[in-house]
Protein backbone atom coordinates (compact mmCIF):
# COMPACT_ATOMS: atom_id res chain seq x y z
CA MET A 1 28.45 -1.16 -45.29
CA THR A 2 25.48 0.94 -44.32
CA GLU A 3 23.21 0.34 -41.36
CA ASN A 4 19.49 0.55 -41.91
CA THR A 5 17.55 1.98 -38.99
CA THR A 6 13.83 1.92 -38.52
CA GLU A 7 12.31 4.64 -36.41
CA LYS A 8 9.89 3.25 -33.86
CA PRO A 9 6.40 4.63 -34.58
CA LEU A 10 4.84 6.77 -31.89
CA ARG A 11 2.23 4.80 -29.93
CA LEU A 12 -0.75 6.84 -28.80
CA VAL A 13 -3.20 5.07 -26.49
CA ILE A 14 -6.50 6.86 -25.91
CA ASP A 15 -8.32 5.80 -22.75
CA ASP A 16 -12.09 5.36 -22.82
CA SER A 17 -12.36 8.18 -20.27
CA ALA A 18 -11.29 10.61 -23.01
CA ARG A 19 -14.71 10.09 -24.59
CA ASP A 20 -16.66 10.59 -21.37
CA THR A 21 -19.18 13.34 -22.05
CA LYS A 22 -19.17 14.24 -18.32
CA SER A 23 -15.42 14.92 -18.25
CA LYS A 24 -14.31 18.25 -16.81
CA LEU A 25 -10.60 17.89 -17.55
CA TRP A 26 -8.50 15.98 -20.09
CA TYR A 27 -4.87 14.92 -19.67
CA ALA A 28 -2.46 12.17 -20.77
CA LEU A 29 -0.15 10.01 -18.65
CA PRO A 30 2.90 8.01 -19.74
CA ASP A 31 2.79 4.22 -19.93
CA GLY A 32 2.84 2.42 -16.62
CA TYR A 33 -0.03 4.17 -14.85
CA LEU A 34 -3.29 2.48 -13.87
CA ASP A 35 -6.37 4.47 -12.92
CA VAL A 36 -7.84 4.05 -9.44
CA PRO A 37 -11.67 3.88 -9.69
CA LEU A 38 -12.54 6.54 -7.12
CA GLU A 39 -16.30 6.29 -7.70
CA ALA A 40 -16.17 2.54 -7.04
CA LEU A 41 -14.11 2.92 -3.86
CA ASP A 42 -16.34 5.67 -2.44
CA PRO A 43 -19.72 4.86 -4.00
CA ALA A 44 -22.74 7.09 -3.70
CA PRO A 45 -25.76 5.56 -1.91
CA GLY A 46 -28.11 3.61 -4.13
CA THR A 47 -25.69 3.29 -7.05
CA GLU A 48 -24.40 0.19 -8.80
CA HIS A 49 -20.95 0.94 -7.38
CA GLU A 50 -22.31 0.78 -3.84
CA GLU A 51 -23.88 -2.62 -4.51
CA GLN A 52 -20.56 -3.90 -5.87
CA PHE A 53 -18.69 -2.49 -2.88
CA MET A 54 -21.02 -4.23 -0.43
CA ASN A 55 -20.65 -7.49 -2.38
CA VAL A 56 -16.87 -7.23 -1.98
CA MET A 57 -17.28 -6.64 1.76
CA ALA A 58 -19.53 -9.72 2.01
CA LEU A 59 -17.04 -11.80 -0.01
CA ILE A 60 -14.26 -10.86 2.39
CA LEU A 61 -16.38 -11.80 5.39
CA ASP A 62 -17.13 -15.18 3.79
CA CYS A 63 -13.59 -16.01 2.60
CA ALA A 64 -11.16 -14.38 5.04
CA PRO A 65 -10.01 -16.33 8.11
CA GLU A 66 -12.14 -15.36 11.07
CA GLU A 67 -9.19 -13.83 12.94
CA GLN A 68 -8.39 -11.61 9.91
CA ARG A 69 -11.88 -10.41 8.99
CA ASP A 70 -11.90 -7.29 11.13
CA ARG A 71 -8.48 -6.32 9.79
CA TYR A 72 -9.48 -6.57 6.11
CA VAL A 73 -12.89 -4.97 6.55
CA GLY A 74 -11.26 -2.16 8.55
CA ALA A 75 -8.71 -1.61 5.76
CA LEU A 76 -11.50 -1.30 3.20
CA ARG A 77 -13.36 1.18 5.37
CA ASP A 78 -10.20 3.24 5.92
CA MET A 79 -9.60 3.26 2.17
CA ARG A 80 -13.16 4.46 1.58
CA LEU A 81 -12.70 7.28 4.09
CA MET A 82 -9.40 8.28 2.47
CA VAL A 83 -10.98 8.37 -0.99
CA ALA A 84 -13.92 10.38 0.36
CA GLN A 85 -11.48 12.92 1.80
CA MET A 86 -9.64 13.14 -1.52
CA ARG A 87 -12.90 13.83 -3.34
CA THR A 88 -13.87 16.60 -0.91
CA GLU A 89 -10.55 18.25 -1.87
CA GLY A 90 -11.54 18.22 -5.53
CA VAL A 91 -9.60 15.12 -6.62
CA ILE A 92 -11.19 13.74 -9.79
CA GLY A 93 -8.47 11.31 -10.82
CA CYS A 94 -5.85 9.09 -9.20
CA SER A 95 -3.36 6.77 -10.91
CA LEU A 96 -0.78 4.33 -9.58
CA GLY A 97 2.46 3.93 -11.51
CA MET A 98 5.21 1.32 -11.54
CA HIS A 99 8.35 1.73 -13.62
CA PHE A 100 11.85 0.28 -13.88
CA GLY A 101 14.63 2.55 -12.71
CA GLY A 102 18.03 2.68 -14.39
CA ASP A 103 19.42 0.14 -11.90
CA GLY A 104 16.66 -2.37 -12.57
CA SER A 105 14.70 -1.65 -9.40
CA SER A 106 10.99 -0.79 -9.47
CA ALA A 107 9.89 2.78 -8.82
CA LEU A 108 6.37 3.38 -7.53
CA SER A 109 4.49 6.67 -7.83
CA VAL A 110 1.02 8.13 -7.42
CA VAL A 111 -0.48 10.90 -9.57
CA THR A 112 -3.60 12.73 -8.39
CA VAL A 113 -5.57 15.26 -10.41
CA ALA A 114 -7.79 17.83 -8.70
CA LEU A 115 -10.08 20.49 -10.13
CA ARG A 116 -10.92 23.27 -7.70
CA ASP A 117 -13.25 26.22 -7.89
CA ILE A 118 -11.43 29.45 -7.05
CA GLU A 119 -12.15 33.15 -6.88
CA TRP A 120 -11.63 34.76 -10.27
CA ALA A 121 -8.20 36.14 -10.96
CA PRO A 122 -6.05 36.54 -14.08
CA PRO A 123 -4.79 33.02 -14.95
CA LYS A 124 -1.10 33.98 -14.84
CA LEU A 125 -1.50 35.48 -11.38
CA THR A 126 -3.29 32.34 -10.22
CA ALA A 127 -0.48 30.11 -11.52
CA VAL A 128 2.17 32.14 -9.66
CA ARG A 129 0.13 32.41 -6.48
CA ALA A 130 -0.75 28.68 -6.38
CA ALA A 131 2.90 27.62 -6.50
CA SER A 132 4.08 30.25 -4.00
CA LEU A 133 1.40 29.33 -1.43
CA ARG A 134 2.86 25.87 -0.85
CA GLU A 135 4.30 25.37 2.61
CA SER A 136 7.85 25.02 1.27
CA PRO A 137 7.91 25.70 -2.47
CA THR A 138 11.20 24.96 -4.24
CA ASN A 139 12.30 24.93 -7.87
CA VAL A 140 9.28 27.01 -8.90
CA GLN A 141 9.04 27.49 -12.65
CA LEU A 142 6.45 29.22 -14.79
CA LEU A 143 5.21 27.28 -17.81
CA THR A 144 3.89 28.44 -21.15
CA LEU A 145 1.42 25.81 -22.29
CA PRO A 146 -0.24 25.28 -25.69
CA GLY A 147 -2.41 28.26 -26.63
CA VAL A 148 -0.03 30.49 -24.65
CA ARG A 149 -1.78 29.42 -21.45
CA PRO A 150 0.08 29.94 -18.17
CA GLY A 151 0.96 27.27 -15.65
CA SER A 152 3.51 26.63 -12.92
CA ILE A 153 5.44 23.69 -11.49
CA SER A 154 7.27 23.19 -8.21
CA ASP A 155 8.67 20.24 -6.31
CA THR A 156 9.91 19.41 -2.86
CA LEU A 157 11.42 16.62 -0.79
CA VAL A 158 9.71 15.80 2.50
CA THR A 159 10.06 13.10 5.13
CA ALA A 160 6.99 10.92 5.55
CA PRO A 161 6.49 9.90 9.21
CA ALA A 162 6.64 6.28 10.31
CA VAL A 163 3.24 4.57 10.25
CA ALA A 164 2.00 1.03 11.00
CA GLY A 165 5.49 -0.24 11.77
CA MET A 166 7.01 1.22 8.60
CA PRO A 167 10.04 3.47 9.07
CA ALA A 168 10.08 7.13 8.10
CA GLN A 169 11.21 7.69 4.52
CA ASP A 170 11.88 10.48 2.06
CA LEU A 171 9.07 11.40 -0.30
CA TYR A 172 9.39 13.42 -3.50
CA GLN A 173 6.40 15.55 -4.48
CA CYS A 174 5.92 17.52 -7.69
CA ASP A 175 2.95 19.83 -8.25
CA VAL A 176 1.66 21.38 -11.45
CA TYR A 177 -0.89 24.23 -11.38
CA ILE A 178 -2.93 25.11 -14.46
CA PRO A 179 -5.68 27.77 -14.28
CA ALA A 180 -8.74 27.33 -16.46
CA PRO A 181 -9.16 29.93 -19.22
CA SER A 182 -12.22 31.20 -17.33
CA GLY A 183 -10.01 32.08 -14.34
CA ALA A 184 -12.56 30.48 -12.01
CA GLN A 185 -11.04 26.99 -11.74
CA LEU A 186 -7.59 25.56 -11.04
CA ALA A 187 -6.25 22.15 -12.07
CA VAL A 188 -3.70 20.73 -9.62
CA LEU A 189 -1.69 17.67 -10.67
CA THR A 190 0.47 16.09 -7.97
CA LEU A 191 3.01 13.28 -8.25
CA SER A 192 4.32 11.56 -5.12
CA THR A 193 7.00 8.87 -4.97
CA THR A 194 9.56 7.38 -2.63
CA ALA A 195 11.89 6.90 -5.64
CA VAL A 196 13.66 10.16 -4.88
CA SER A 197 16.69 9.22 -6.99
CA ALA A 198 14.44 9.44 -10.10
CA ARG A 199 13.04 12.86 -9.22
CA ALA A 200 14.58 14.54 -12.28
CA HIS A 201 12.74 12.09 -14.56
CA TYR A 202 9.47 12.59 -12.69
CA ARG A 203 9.71 16.37 -12.88
CA ASP A 204 10.28 16.10 -16.65
CA TRP A 205 7.22 13.87 -16.85
CA MET A 206 5.05 16.29 -14.91
CA GLU A 207 6.09 19.19 -17.11
CA ALA A 208 5.29 17.09 -20.18
CA ILE A 209 1.92 16.03 -18.74
CA ALA A 210 1.10 19.69 -18.13
CA HIS A 211 1.30 20.27 -21.89
CA THR A 212 -1.49 17.71 -22.43
CA VAL A 213 -3.99 19.23 -19.97
CA ALA A 214 -7.12 20.66 -21.59
CA PHE A 215 -10.32 22.14 -20.23
CA HIS A 216 -12.15 21.36 -23.47
CA ASP A 217 -12.51 18.12 -25.41
CA PRO A 218 -9.26 17.68 -27.39
CA MET A 219 -10.38 14.50 -29.17
CA PRO A 220 -11.41 16.09 -32.50
CA GLU A 221 -7.99 17.76 -32.82
CA ILE A 222 -6.16 14.58 -31.81
CA GLU A 223 -8.08 12.49 -34.31
CA ARG A 224 -7.35 15.01 -37.07
CA THR A 225 -3.66 14.78 -36.19
CA ILE A 226 -3.71 10.98 -36.32
CA ARG A 227 -5.28 11.14 -39.78
CA GLY A 228 -2.64 13.66 -40.83
CA ASP A 229 -5.18 16.43 -41.31
CA GLY A 230 -3.66 18.83 -38.78
CA PRO A 231 -0.46 19.89 -37.02
CA GLU A 232 1.30 17.47 -34.72
CA ALA A 233 -0.18 17.42 -31.25
CA GLY A 234 3.20 17.31 -29.58
CA SER A 235 2.53 14.04 -27.77
CA ASP A 236 6.24 13.19 -28.08
CA ARG A 237 6.80 15.55 -25.14
CA ILE A 238 5.81 12.65 -22.88
CA LYS A 239 9.16 11.38 -21.67
CA ASP A 240 10.03 7.69 -22.05
CA SER A 241 13.35 7.56 -20.19
CA ILE A 242 11.87 5.21 -17.56
CA THR A 243 10.45 1.91 -18.82
CA ALA A 244 6.91 1.03 -17.71
CA ASP A 245 6.18 -2.24 -15.88
CA PHE A 246 2.45 -1.93 -16.56
CA GLY A 247 2.55 -0.41 -20.04
């Protein structure tokens, strides 16, 4: 008796942001990540986002119990200040992830993407220097990305202090550094999670994500690949060893 097997087709989901003509950086994330709308949480004055933000504040004031109003409004304001700080540091993207671990528990993570202007230097030197300048770099590895572009990856385990009644806990952080071909910009992708037991999976993910980062619009090449008109884009490098709750 023979067993027939059917290979599961590769699923490629292209977010609408990939077609944004104002994009400065393109990258792909595994299933299970939801984008945080930074512009809506820290809206510029006079924009539609600011009007929506103020409507949410008014809704909270109308619906929340009187004794809880200051607490919720204060939380929204703190969130806005935190997002504003992130944007001053060059963060252009933030995603929240939830996945099932091997033991059935949920693993939460946050991925931020920053694009920073830097003084010109050879890209390979920038990749090495960026990783080595971390306060406590460990497991530093140089990457060779598509187009023979240089990059680097490092990770570390830190202890997050106790805040708001929550106990101190270990936090795994993984950073990827990819210089722009011009040598004048640096992409920094950072993953943070308290699921330290899954750190090997997350590091694999970050290395795979690094191979999707582009400083030019990759959509024409991707669409040619989907039609079968060009070489494979290598999207199977995105690891799927952790199952997505959201995806």
